[in-house]
Amino acid sequence: VKLLNLDQRFARRAAQFVDAYNKGFDGKWAAWASRKYPGQRTYPEALMMEL
């Protein structure tokens, strides 16, 4: 069960990173945003305006 939980967490974090990258963040910003907003489904508008 713990292995499945670890795989799900990895998949969710990877999907969030890819989503940020697709929205225009470079790799460093995408990694930062996925760590800064781990529980968010979308990123705040203020963050998107900084692009």
N, C-alpha and C. Protein backbone atom coordinates (compact mmCIF):
# COMPACT_ATOMS: atom_id res chain seq x y z
N VAL A 1 0.83 -1.19 0.00
CA VAL A 1 0.00 0.00 0.00
C VAL A 1 0.87 1.25 0.00
N LYS A 2 1.96 1.25 0.74
CA LYS A 2 2.82 2.42 0.79
C LYS A 2 3.49 2.68 -0.56
N LEU A 3 3.84 1.62 -1.27
CA LEU A 3 4.45 1.80 -2.58
C LEU A 3 3.46 2.45 -3.54
N LEU A 4 2.21 2.02 -3.50
CA LEU A 4 1.18 2.61 -4.35
C LEU A 4 1.00 4.08 -4.00
N ASN A 5 1.00 4.40 -2.72
CA ASN A 5 0.85 5.77 -2.27
C ASN A 5 2.02 6.62 -2.77
N LEU A 6 3.22 6.09 -2.73
CA LEU A 6 4.39 6.80 -3.22
C LEU A 6 4.30 7.04 -4.72
N ASP A 7 3.85 6.04 -5.46
CA ASP A 7 3.68 6.20 -6.91
C ASP A 7 2.63 7.26 -7.23
N GLN A 8 1.55 7.30 -6.48
CA GLN A 8 0.51 8.29 -6.71
C GLN A 8 1.02 9.69 -6.43
N ARG A 9 1.79 9.84 -5.36
CA ARG A 9 2.35 11.16 -5.04
C ARG A 9 3.31 11.61 -6.12
N PHE A 10 4.16 10.70 -6.59
CA PHE A 10 5.10 11.05 -7.65
C PHE A 10 4.36 11.45 -8.92
N ALA A 11 3.34 10.69 -9.28
CA ALA A 11 2.57 10.98 -10.49
C ALA A 11 1.88 12.33 -10.39
N ARG A 12 1.32 12.64 -9.23
CA ARG A 12 0.63 13.92 -9.05
C ARG A 12 1.62 15.08 -9.15
N ARG A 13 2.78 14.94 -8.51
CA ARG A 13 3.77 16.01 -8.55
C ARG A 13 4.34 16.19 -9.96
N ALA A 14 4.58 15.08 -10.66
CA ALA A 14 5.08 15.16 -12.02
C ALA A 14 4.05 15.81 -12.94
N ALA A 15 2.78 15.47 -12.76
CA ALA A 15 1.73 16.06 -13.59
C ALA A 15 1.62 17.56 -13.32
N GLN A 16 1.78 17.97 -12.07
CA GLN A 16 1.71 19.39 -11.75
C GLN A 16 2.90 20.14 -12.35
N PHE A 17 4.08 19.52 -12.34
CA PHE A 17 5.25 20.13 -12.94
C PHE A 17 5.05 20.30 -14.45
N VAL A 18 4.54 19.27 -15.12
CA VAL A 18 4.31 19.33 -16.56
C VAL A 18 3.26 20.39 -16.88
N ASP A 19 2.22 20.49 -16.06
CA ASP A 19 1.19 21.50 -16.28
C ASP A 19 1.78 22.91 -16.18
N ALA A 20 2.62 23.15 -15.19
CA ALA A 20 3.25 24.46 -15.05
C ALA A 20 4.16 24.75 -16.23
N TYR A 21 4.89 23.77 -16.68
CA TYR A 21 5.78 23.94 -17.83
C TYR A 21 4.97 24.25 -19.09
N ASN A 22 3.84 23.59 -19.26
CA ASN A 22 2.99 23.84 -20.42
C ASN A 22 2.36 25.22 -20.38
N LYS A 23 2.19 25.79 -19.20
CA LYS A 23 1.60 27.12 -19.07
C LYS A 23 2.62 28.23 -19.28
N GLY A 24 3.87 27.87 -19.54
CA GLY A 24 4.85 28.89 -19.87
C GLY A 24 5.99 29.06 -18.89
N PHE A 25 5.96 28.37 -17.77
CA PHE A 25 7.07 28.45 -16.83
C PHE A 25 8.27 27.72 -17.41
N ASP A 26 9.47 28.23 -17.12
CA ASP A 26 10.65 27.44 -17.49
C ASP A 26 10.84 26.36 -16.42
N GLY A 27 11.83 25.53 -16.57
CA GLY A 27 12.00 24.40 -15.66
C GLY A 27 12.18 24.80 -14.21
N LYS A 28 12.99 25.83 -13.96
CA LYS A 28 13.24 26.28 -12.60
C LYS A 28 11.96 26.82 -11.95
N TRP A 29 11.21 27.66 -12.68
CA TRP A 29 9.97 28.22 -12.16
C TRP A 29 8.91 27.14 -11.98
N ALA A 30 8.86 26.17 -12.89
CA ALA A 30 7.88 25.09 -12.77
C ALA A 30 8.15 24.26 -11.52
N ALA A 31 9.42 23.97 -11.25
CA ALA A 31 9.78 23.22 -10.04
C ALA A 31 9.43 24.02 -8.79
N TRP A 32 9.70 25.32 -8.80
CA TRP A 32 9.39 26.17 -7.66
C TRP A 32 7.88 26.23 -7.43
N ALA A 33 7.12 26.43 -8.49
CA ALA A 33 5.67 26.55 -8.36
C ALA A 33 5.05 25.25 -7.87
N SER A 34 5.55 24.12 -8.32
CA SER A 34 4.98 22.85 -7.87
C SER A 34 5.31 22.58 -6.41
N ARG A 35 6.43 23.10 -5.90
CA ARG A 35 6.75 22.97 -4.48
C ARG A 35 5.97 24.00 -3.65
N LYS A 36 5.85 25.22 -4.17
CA LYS A 36 5.20 26.31 -3.43
C LYS A 36 3.70 26.07 -3.28
N TYR A 37 3.06 25.54 -4.30
CA TYR A 37 1.62 25.32 -4.30
C TYR A 37 1.31 23.83 -4.50
N PRO A 38 1.69 22.96 -3.55
CA PRO A 38 1.54 21.52 -3.78
C PRO A 38 0.10 21.04 -3.78
N GLY A 39 -0.79 21.70 -3.07
CA GLY A 39 -2.17 21.24 -2.99
C GLY A 39 -3.10 21.94 -3.96
N GLN A 40 -2.58 22.84 -4.74
CA GLN A 40 -3.42 23.62 -5.64
C GLN A 40 -3.63 22.91 -6.96
N ARG A 41 -4.83 22.99 -7.49
CA ARG A 41 -5.08 22.44 -8.81
C ARG A 41 -4.70 23.43 -9.89
N THR A 42 -4.80 24.71 -9.58
CA THR A 42 -4.37 25.75 -10.51
C THR A 42 -3.48 26.71 -9.74
N TYR A 43 -2.72 27.48 -10.46
CA TYR A 43 -1.84 28.44 -9.83
C TYR A 43 -2.55 29.78 -9.72
N PRO A 44 -2.23 30.58 -8.70
CA PRO A 44 -2.88 31.88 -8.52
C PRO A 44 -2.66 32.79 -9.73
N GLU A 45 -3.63 33.66 -9.98
CA GLU A 45 -3.55 34.59 -11.10
C GLU A 45 -2.32 35.50 -10.98
N ALA A 46 -2.00 35.94 -9.77
CA ALA A 46 -0.85 36.83 -9.59
C ALA A 46 0.44 36.15 -10.04
N LEU A 47 0.54 34.87 -9.80
CA LEU A 47 1.72 34.13 -10.23
C LEU A 47 1.77 34.03 -11.75
N MET A 48 0.61 33.83 -12.35
CA MET A 48 0.56 33.72 -13.81
C MET A 48 0.89 35.05 -14.48
N MET A 49 0.57 36.17 -13.81
CA MET A 49 0.87 37.50 -14.36
C MET A 49 2.37 37.79 -14.36
N GLU A 50 3.13 37.12 -13.48
CA GLU A 50 4.57 37.36 -13.39
C GLU A 50 5.34 36.77 -14.56
N LEU A 51 4.69 35.92 -15.34
CA LEU A 51 5.37 35.34 -16.49
C LEU A 51 5.70 36.45 -17.41
